[in-house]
Amino acid sequence: MALIRTEVSRYFQYVTLSHRWGEGEPLLRDIEGHQIYGMPTRGGLGKLQAFCRVALEQDYMWAWSDTCCIDKHSSAELQEAIGSMFTWYRRSALTIVYLSDVPDTGSLTNSEWLRRGWTLQELLAPQTVLFYTRTWSLYKNIASSNHKTDVAVLDELEKATGIGSRFLIDFSPGMDDARSRLQWASSRRTTRPEDIAYSVFGIFDLHLPVIYGESAEHSLGRLLAELISQSGDVSVLDWVGEA
């Protein structure tokens, strides 16, 4: 029975995609009922197809992308997804990070991926990560099974983000040192102003209502109030984030 459970669990392991959204990203309703490899490769569909091929090359049968695996027309599903996102990346067997603006000879430190709000938790949550360049080549041809264990990559990430390697390797969500965690997010940007608060709910293990249409000030105010309420740490008020 234990062997059966192990084999079933291995079969259902999944890979997550972390990336910057671009033009023409396929949504759930765009791909529902279609074979993605038979669809045109333009825009985000080409990226989705390449991601699925890489997942298969890594010997996984299941792949998850935030563009098309969430029904964004359902406010209830969107609320659940935002509240569960950290957990989904944490439970993934592998996270593929696609750096669309990094050439094969480039450095990830220059990528906009490191400056976006949502990608902070996508960096911290997964335990196994592989970085891919614009051409879907392994970053610097580093043949490691996990770039989070590569000293050179960790050094680049630490310098670019200001996040210590111990957090990059083994991050635990929660209230510990809340001010530092807010500082990690302070230089990042989101397309929708209110997302600057929503995008860090996961790293604090918070579950708050998502109210699209509220101002960035209001969403950050709710976040800070909850942090102080749960942690008692008023030093978070010294932090000022930017939408």
C-alpha atoms as a PDB file:
ATOM      1  CA  MET A   1       0.000   0.000   0.000  1.00  0.00           C
ATOM      2  CA  ALA A   2       2.847   2.401   0.830  1.00  0.00           C
ATOM      3  CA  LEU A   3       4.390   1.716  -2.591  1.00  0.00           C
ATOM      4  CA  ILE A   4       1.071   2.458  -4.293  1.00  0.00           C
ATOM      5  CA  ARG A   5       0.732   5.743  -2.416  1.00  0.00           C
ATOM      6  CA  THR A   6       4.286   6.686  -3.377  1.00  0.00           C
ATOM      7  CA  GLU A   7       3.724   5.934  -7.055  1.00  0.00           C
ATOM      8  CA  VAL A   8       0.384   7.777  -7.169  1.00  0.00           C
ATOM      9  CA  SER A   9       1.934  10.778  -5.410  1.00  0.00           C
ATOM     10  CA  ARG A  10       4.856  10.802  -7.856  1.00  0.00           C
ATOM     11  CA  TYR A  11       2.489  10.627 -10.832  1.00  0.00           C
ATOM     12  CA  PHE A  12       0.563  13.698  -9.689  1.00  0.00           C
ATOM     13  CA  GLN A  13       3.611  15.865  -8.968  1.00  0.00           C
ATOM     14  CA  TYR A  14       3.317  19.124 -10.869  1.00  0.00           C
ATOM     15  CA  VAL A  15       5.502  21.914 -12.232  1.00  0.00           C
ATOM     16  CA  THR A  16       4.631  25.608 -11.842  1.00  0.00           C
ATOM     17  CA  LEU A  17       5.570  28.458 -14.153  1.00  0.00           C
ATOM     18  CA  SER A  18       6.850  31.786 -12.853  1.00  0.00           C
ATOM     19  CA  HIS A  19       7.161  34.557 -15.425  1.00  0.00           C
ATOM     20  CA  ARG A  20       6.293  38.117 -16.330  1.00  0.00           C
ATOM     21  CA  TRP A  21       2.950  38.508 -18.030  1.00  0.00           C
ATOM     22  CA  GLY A  22       3.178  39.791 -21.580  1.00  0.00           C
ATOM     23  CA  GLU A  23       0.876  40.500 -24.508  1.00  0.00           C
ATOM     24  CA  GLY A  24      -1.607  37.871 -25.557  1.00  0.00           C
ATOM     25  CA  GLU A  25      -1.397  35.592 -22.534  1.00  0.00           C
ATOM     26  CA  PRO A  26      -3.888  32.701 -22.962  1.00  0.00           C
ATOM     27  CA  LEU A  27      -6.640  32.601 -20.345  1.00  0.00           C
ATOM     28  CA  LEU A  28      -8.594  29.549 -19.209  1.00  0.00           C
ATOM     29  CA  ARG A  29     -11.387  30.120 -21.709  1.00  0.00           C
ATOM     30  CA  ASP A  30      -8.875  30.452 -24.553  1.00  0.00           C
ATOM     31  CA  ILE A  31      -7.453  26.962 -24.118  1.00  0.00           C
ATOM     32  CA  GLU A  32     -10.367  25.063 -22.575  1.00  0.00           C
ATOM     33  CA  GLY A  33     -11.197  22.085 -24.775  1.00  0.00           C
ATOM     34  CA  HIS A  34      -8.142  22.587 -27.008  1.00  0.00           C
ATOM     35  CA  GLN A  35      -4.877  20.732 -27.520  1.00  0.00           C
ATOM     36  CA  ILE A  36      -2.383  23.508 -26.803  1.00  0.00           C
ATOM     37  CA  TYR A  37       0.260  22.122 -29.175  1.00  0.00           C
ATOM     38  CA  GLY A  38      -2.196  22.467 -32.039  1.00  0.00           C
ATOM     39  CA  MET A  39      -2.834  26.139 -31.353  1.00  0.00           C
ATOM     40  CA  PRO A  40      -0.937  29.084 -32.912  1.00  0.00           C
ATOM     41  CA  THR A  41       2.403  29.861 -31.257  1.00  0.00           C
ATOM     42  CA  ARG A  42       1.885  33.619 -31.200  1.00  0.00           C
ATOM     43  CA  GLY A  43       2.091  35.617 -27.978  1.00  0.00           C
ATOM     44  CA  GLY A  44       1.741  33.835 -24.705  1.00  0.00           C
ATOM     45  CA  LEU A  45       0.659  30.565 -26.307  1.00  0.00           C
ATOM     46  CA  GLY A  46       4.185  29.969 -27.541  1.00  0.00           C
ATOM     47  CA  LYS A  47       5.461  30.496 -24.005  1.00  0.00           C
ATOM     48  CA  LEU A  48       2.858  28.106 -22.594  1.00  0.00           C
ATOM     49  CA  GLN A  49       3.756  25.438 -25.150  1.00  0.00           C
ATOM     50  CA  ALA A  50       7.478  25.803 -24.409  1.00  0.00           C
ATOM     51  CA  PHE A  51       6.807  25.577 -20.663  1.00  0.00           C
ATOM     52  CA  CYS A  52       4.828  22.361 -21.096  1.00  0.00           C
ATOM     53  CA  ARG A  53       7.588  20.869 -23.243  1.00  0.00           C
ATOM     54  CA  VAL A  54      10.206  21.699 -20.596  1.00  0.00           C
ATOM     55  CA  ALA A  55       8.001  20.166 -17.874  1.00  0.00           C
ATOM     56  CA  LEU A  56       7.737  16.994 -19.958  1.00  0.00           C
ATOM     57  CA  GLU A  57      11.494  16.949 -20.567  1.00  0.00           C
ATOM     58  CA  GLN A  58      11.925  17.115 -16.792  1.00  0.00           C
ATOM     59  CA  ASP A  59       9.740  13.979 -16.594  1.00  0.00           C
ATOM     60  CA  TYR A  60       6.574  15.557 -15.178  1.00  0.00           C
ATOM     61  CA  MET A  61       3.054  14.938 -16.451  1.00  0.00           C
ATOM     62  CA  TRP A  62       1.334  17.995 -14.974  1.00  0.00           C
ATOM     63  CA  ALA A  63       2.085  21.680 -15.503  1.00  0.00           C
ATOM     64  CA  TRP A  64       0.408  24.750 -13.969  1.00  0.00           C
ATOM     65  CA  SER A  65       0.470  28.322 -15.249  1.00  0.00           C
ATOM     66  CA  ASP A  66      -1.267  31.251 -13.556  1.00  0.00           C
ATOM     67  CA  THR A  67      -2.366  32.603 -16.938  1.00  0.00           C
ATOM     68  CA  CYS A  68      -4.763  29.789 -17.800  1.00  0.00           C
ATOM     69  CA  CYS A  69      -5.217  27.581 -14.729  1.00  0.00           C
ATOM     70  CA  ILE A  70      -7.375  30.129 -12.871  1.00  0.00           C
ATOM     71  CA  ASP A  71     -10.805  31.300 -14.020  1.00  0.00           C
ATOM     72  CA  LYS A  72     -10.294  35.035 -13.630  1.00  0.00           C
ATOM     73  CA  HIS A  73     -13.942  35.666 -14.548  1.00  0.00           C
ATOM     74  CA  SER A  74     -14.924  34.103 -11.206  1.00  0.00           C
ATOM     75  CA  SER A  75     -14.314  36.466  -8.298  1.00  0.00           C
ATOM     76  CA  ALA A  76     -14.635  33.564  -5.829  1.00  0.00           C
ATOM     77  CA  GLU A  77     -12.014  31.493  -7.659  1.00  0.00           C
ATOM     78  CA  LEU A  78      -9.709  34.495  -7.975  1.00  0.00           C
ATOM     79  CA  GLN A  79      -9.999  35.160  -4.225  1.00  0.00           C
ATOM     80  CA  GLU A  80      -9.206  31.515  -3.466  1.00  0.00           C
ATOM     81  CA  ALA A  81      -6.296  31.508  -5.914  1.00  0.00           C
ATOM     82  CA  ILE A  82      -4.646  34.580  -4.398  1.00  0.00           C
ATOM     83  CA  GLY A  83      -5.030  33.074  -0.933  1.00  0.00           C
ATOM     84  CA  SER A  84      -3.587  29.739  -2.061  1.00  0.00           C
ATOM     85  CA  MET A  85      -0.847  30.875  -4.447  1.00  0.00           C
ATOM     86  CA  PHE A  86       2.045  30.563  -1.992  1.00  0.00           C
ATOM     87  CA  THR A  87       0.955  27.042  -1.062  1.00  0.00           C
ATOM     88  CA  TRP A  88       0.612  25.983  -4.695  1.00  0.00           C
ATOM     89  CA  TYR A  89       4.179  27.086  -5.461  1.00  0.00           C
ATOM     90  CA  ARG A  90       5.467  25.552  -2.215  1.00  0.00           C
ATOM     91  CA  ARG A  91       3.901  22.157  -3.022  1.00  0.00           C
ATOM     92  CA  SER A  92       5.145  22.089  -6.604  1.00  0.00           C
ATOM     93  CA  ALA A  93       7.855  19.555  -7.387  1.00  0.00           C
ATOM     94  CA  LEU A  94       9.597  22.164  -9.537  1.00  0.00           C
ATOM     95  CA  THR A  95       9.123  25.815 -10.483  1.00  0.00           C
ATOM     96  CA  ILE A  96      10.311  26.894 -13.916  1.00  0.00           C
ATOM     97  CA  VAL A  97      11.259  30.586 -13.963  1.00  0.00           C
ATOM     98  CA  TYR A  98      11.162  31.980 -17.492  1.00  0.00           C
ATOM     99  CA  LEU A  99      13.279  35.115 -17.890  1.00  0.00           C
ATOM    100  CA  SER A 100      11.988  36.517 -21.176  1.00  0.00           C
ATOM    101  CA  ASP A 101      14.387  39.487 -21.070  1.00  0.00           C
ATOM    102  CA  VAL A 102      17.596  37.585 -20.309  1.00  0.00           C
ATOM    103  CA  PRO A 103      19.668  36.436 -23.329  1.00  0.00           C
ATOM    104  CA  ASP A 104      21.744  33.270 -23.125  1.00  0.00           C
ATOM    105  CA  THR A 105      24.839  35.260 -22.141  1.00  0.00           C
ATOM    106  CA  GLY A 106      22.993  37.691 -19.877  1.00  0.00           C
ATOM    107  CA  SER A 107      22.560  37.956 -16.113  1.00  0.00           C
ATOM    108  CA  LEU A 108      19.337  37.358 -14.223  1.00  0.00           C
ATOM    109  CA  THR A 109      20.175  40.347 -12.016  1.00  0.00           C
ATOM    110  CA  ASN A 110      19.041  42.604 -14.876  1.00  0.00           C
ATOM    111  CA  SER A 111      15.685  40.890 -15.329  1.00  0.00           C
ATOM    112  CA  GLU A 112      12.406  42.658 -14.665  1.00  0.00           C
ATOM    113  CA  TRP A 113      11.250  39.382 -13.097  1.00  0.00           C
ATOM    114  CA  LEU A 114      13.141  40.429  -9.968  1.00  0.00           C
ATOM    115  CA  ARG A 115      11.269  43.741  -9.852  1.00  0.00           C
ATOM    116  CA  ARG A 116       7.677  42.548 -10.046  1.00  0.00           C
ATOM    117  CA  GLY A 117       5.438  42.201  -6.995  1.00  0.00           C
ATOM    118  CA  TRP A 118       3.953  38.756  -7.553  1.00  0.00           C
ATOM    119  CA  THR A 119       7.270  37.100  -8.334  1.00  0.00           C
ATOM    120  CA  LEU A 120       8.553  37.672  -4.789  1.00  0.00           C
ATOM    121  CA  GLN A 121       6.503  34.803  -3.378  1.00  0.00           C
ATOM    122  CA  GLU A 122       7.224  32.795  -6.534  1.00  0.00           C
ATOM    123  CA  LEU A 123      10.918  33.119  -5.667  1.00  0.00           C
ATOM    124  CA  LEU A 124      10.533  32.308  -1.972  1.00  0.00           C
ATOM    125  CA  ALA A 125       7.853  29.607  -1.935  1.00  0.00           C
ATOM    126  CA  PRO A 126       9.213  26.803  -4.155  1.00  0.00           C
ATOM    127  CA  GLN A 127      11.965  24.581  -2.846  1.00  0.00           C
ATOM    128  CA  THR A 128      13.198  23.567  -6.288  1.00  0.00           C
ATOM    129  CA  VAL A 129      13.715  26.164  -9.041  1.00  0.00           C
ATOM    130  CA  LEU A 130      15.255  26.183 -12.508  1.00  0.00           C
ATOM    131  CA  PHE A 131      15.869  29.446 -14.375  1.00  0.00           C
ATOM    132  CA  TYR A 132      15.489  29.567 -18.164  1.00  0.00           C
ATOM    133  CA  THR A 133      16.600  32.315 -20.532  1.00  0.00           C
ATOM    134  CA  ARG A 134      14.744  33.992 -23.402  1.00  0.00           C
ATOM    135  CA  THR A 135      15.467  31.010 -25.703  1.00  0.00           C
ATOM    136  CA  TRP A 136      14.352  28.445 -23.100  1.00  0.00           C
ATOM    137  CA  SER A 137      17.942  27.449 -22.387  1.00  0.00           C
ATOM    138  CA  LEU A 138      19.038  26.646 -18.841  1.00  0.00           C
ATOM    139  CA  TYR A 139      20.490  29.750 -17.225  1.00  0.00           C
ATOM    140  CA  LYS A 140      24.266  29.814 -17.851  1.00  0.00           C
ATOM    141  CA  ASN A 141      23.968  26.131 -18.815  1.00  0.00           C
ATOM    142  CA  ILE A 142      23.994  25.259 -15.116  1.00  0.00           C
ATOM    143  CA  ALA A 143      22.989  21.605 -15.187  1.00  0.00           C
ATOM    144  CA  SER A 144      21.947  21.460 -11.530  1.00  0.00           C
ATOM    145  CA  SER A 145      18.575  19.906 -10.675  1.00  0.00           C
ATOM    146  CA  ASN A 146      17.915  22.932  -8.447  1.00  0.00           C
ATOM    147  CA  HIS A 147      19.365  26.399  -9.020  1.00  0.00           C
ATOM    148  CA  LYS A 148      18.544  27.254  -5.395  1.00  0.00           C
ATOM    149  CA  THR A 149      21.422  24.992  -4.401  1.00  0.00           C
ATOM    150  CA  ASP A 150      23.892  26.595  -6.817  1.00  0.00           C
ATOM    151  CA  VAL A 151      26.223  28.970  -4.982  1.00  0.00           C
ATOM    152  CA  ALA A 152      26.764  31.297  -7.956  1.00  0.00           C
ATOM    153  CA  VAL A 153      23.036  31.695  -8.650  1.00  0.00           C
ATOM    154  CA  LEU A 154      22.274  32.243  -4.963  1.00  0.00           C
ATOM    155  CA  ASP A 155      24.943  34.941  -4.802  1.00  0.00           C
ATOM    156  CA  GLU A 156      23.372  36.738  -7.792  1.00  0.00           C
ATOM    157  CA  LEU A 157      19.898  36.498  -6.276  1.00  0.00           C
ATOM    158  CA  GLU A 158      21.039  37.735  -2.870  1.00  0.00           C
ATOM    159  CA  LYS A 159      22.784  40.771  -4.365  1.00  0.00           C
ATOM    160  CA  ALA A 160      19.865  41.615  -6.645  1.00  0.00           C
ATOM    161  CA  THR A 161      17.090  41.235  -4.061  1.00  0.00           C
ATOM    162  CA  GLY A 162      18.710  41.979  -0.710  1.00  0.00           C
ATOM    163  CA  ILE A 163      17.268  38.701   0.563  1.00  0.00           C
ATOM    164  CA  GLY A 164      19.670  36.470   2.511  1.00  0.00           C
ATOM    165  CA  SER A 165      20.466  33.080   1.010  1.00  0.00           C
ATOM    166  CA  ARG A 166      19.027  31.267   4.025  1.00  0.00           C
ATOM    167  CA  PHE A 167      15.595  32.721   3.186  1.00  0.00           C
ATOM    168  CA  LEU A 168      15.988  31.957  -0.507  1.00  0.00           C
ATOM    169  CA  ILE A 169      16.800  28.325   0.259  1.00  0.00           C
ATOM    170  CA  ASP A 170      14.357  27.624   3.084  1.00  0.00           C
ATOM    171  CA  PHE A 171      11.704  30.299   3.567  1.00  0.00           C
ATOM    172  CA  SER A 172       8.885  29.947   6.098  1.00  0.00           C
ATOM    173  CA  PRO A 173       5.794  32.150   5.726  1.00  0.00           C
ATOM    174  CA  GLY A 174       4.699  34.027   8.818  1.00  0.00           C
ATOM    175  CA  MET A 175       5.152  37.164  10.908  1.00  0.00           C
ATOM    176  CA  ASP A 176       8.817  36.828  11.844  1.00  0.00           C
ATOM    177  CA  ASP A 177      10.747  40.010  11.043  1.00  0.00           C
ATOM    178  CA  ALA A 178       7.761  41.495   9.228  1.00  0.00           C
ATOM    179  CA  ARG A 179       9.524  44.791   8.540  1.00  0.00           C
ATOM    180  CA  SER A 180      12.316  43.088   6.582  1.00  0.00           C
ATOM    181  CA  ARG A 181       9.804  41.147   4.544  1.00  0.00           C
ATOM    182  CA  LEU A 182       8.015  44.350   3.633  1.00  0.00           C
ATOM    183  CA  GLN A 183      11.334  45.878   2.638  1.00  0.00           C
ATOM    184  CA  TRP A 184      11.938  43.001   0.209  1.00  0.00           C
ATOM    185  CA  ALA A 185       8.734  44.028  -1.559  1.00  0.00           C
ATOM    186  CA  SER A 186       9.247  47.795  -1.336  1.00  0.00           C
ATOM    187  CA  SER A 187      11.098  48.225  -4.640  1.00  0.00           C
ATOM    188  CA  ARG A 188       8.819  45.913  -6.601  1.00  0.00           C
ATOM    189  CA  ARG A 189       5.967  47.002  -8.848  1.00  0.00           C
ATOM    190  CA  THR A 190       2.556  45.646  -9.790  1.00  0.00           C
ATOM    191  CA  THR A 191       0.306  46.532 -12.700  1.00  0.00           C
ATOM    192  CA  ARG A 192      -2.699  47.079 -10.438  1.00  0.00           C
ATOM    193  CA  PRO A 193      -1.845  49.336  -7.468  1.00  0.00           C
ATOM    194  CA  GLU A 194      -3.762  47.265  -4.912  1.00  0.00           C
ATOM    195  CA  ASP A 195      -1.791  44.142  -5.862  1.00  0.00           C
ATOM    196  CA  ILE A 196       1.265  45.516  -4.069  1.00  0.00           C
ATOM    197  CA  ALA A 197      -0.470  44.391  -0.857  1.00  0.00           C
ATOM    198  CA  TYR A 198      -2.191  41.266  -2.198  1.00  0.00           C
ATOM    199  CA  SER A 199       1.071  39.943  -3.632  1.00  0.00           C
ATOM    200  CA  VAL A 200       2.641  39.606  -0.170  1.00  0.00           C
ATOM    201  CA  PHE A 201      -0.284  37.984   1.658  1.00  0.00           C
ATOM    202  CA  GLY A 202       1.341  34.584   1.102  1.00  0.00           C
ATOM    203  CA  ILE A 203       4.730  35.385   2.610  1.00  0.00           C
ATOM    204  CA  PHE A 204       2.968  36.456   5.823  1.00  0.00           C
ATOM    205  CA  ASP A 205       0.525  33.527   5.711  1.00  0.00           C
ATOM    206  CA  LEU A 206      -2.372  35.990   5.728  1.00  0.00           C
ATOM    207  CA  HIS A 207      -5.848  35.423   4.341  1.00  0.00           C
ATOM    208  CA  LEU A 208      -7.564  38.760   3.800  1.00  0.00           C
ATOM    209  CA  PRO A 209     -10.352  39.782   1.413  1.00  0.00           C
ATOM    210  CA  VAL A 210      -9.228  40.785  -2.067  1.00  0.00           C
ATOM    211  CA  ILE A 211     -11.120  43.939  -3.075  1.00  0.00           C
ATOM    212  CA  TYR A 212     -10.137  44.977  -6.578  1.00  0.00           C
ATOM    213  CA  GLY A 213     -10.910  48.637  -7.107  1.00  0.00           C
ATOM    214  CA  GLU A 214      -9.681  49.789  -3.699  1.00  0.00           C
ATOM    215  CA  SER A 215      -6.702  52.122  -3.587  1.00  0.00           C
ATOM    216  CA  ALA A 216      -3.155  50.976  -2.896  1.00  0.00           C
ATOM    217  CA  GLU A 217      -3.244  53.020   0.315  1.00  0.00           C
ATOM    218  CA  HIS A 218      -6.336  51.186   1.521  1.00  0.00           C
ATOM    219  CA  SER A 219      -5.039  47.703   0.647  1.00  0.00           C
ATOM    220  CA  LEU A 220      -1.693  48.453   2.331  1.00  0.00           C
ATOM    221  CA  GLY A 221      -3.510  49.900   5.333  1.00  0.00           C
ATOM    222  CA  ARG A 222      -5.478  46.684   5.770  1.00  0.00           C
ATOM    223  CA  LEU A 223      -2.286  44.646   5.408  1.00  0.00           C
ATOM    224  CA  LEU A 224      -0.362  46.696   7.982  1.00  0.00           C
ATOM    225  CA  ALA A 225      -3.274  46.676  10.425  1.00  0.00           C
ATOM    226  CA  GLU A 226      -3.451  42.879  10.243  1.00  0.00           C
ATOM    227  CA  LEU A 227       0.317  42.522  10.643  1.00  0.00           C
ATOM    228  CA  ILE A 228       0.281  44.673  13.772  1.00  0.00           C
ATOM    229  CA  SER A 229      -2.795  42.893  15.111  1.00  0.00           C
ATOM    230  CA  GLN A 230      -1.224  39.453  14.768  1.00  0.00           C
ATOM    231  CA  SER A 231       2.435  40.226  15.505  1.00  0.00           C
ATOM    232  CA  GLY A 232       2.244  43.250  17.824  1.00  0.00           C
ATOM    233  CA  ASP A 233       5.194  44.687  15.875  1.00  0.00           C
ATOM    234  CA  VAL A 234       4.504  48.395  15.321  1.00  0.00           C
ATOM    235  CA  SER A 235       7.871  48.853  13.575  1.00  0.00           C
ATOM    236  CA  VAL A 236       6.165  47.849  10.312  1.00  0.00           C
ATOM    237  CA  LEU A 237       4.715  51.360  10.274  1.00  0.00           C
ATOM    238  CA  ASP A 238       8.225  52.641   9.526  1.00  0.00           C
ATOM    239  CA  TRP A 239       8.068  50.885   6.179  1.00  0.00           C
ATOM    240  CA  VAL A 240       6.696  52.797   3.209  1.00  0.00           C
ATOM    241  CA  GLY A 241       5.888  50.826   0.071  1.00  0.00           C
ATOM    242  CA  GLU A 242       5.256  52.153  -3.419  1.00  0.00           C
ATOM    243  CA  ALA A 243       2.524  51.002  -5.784  1.00  0.00           C
END
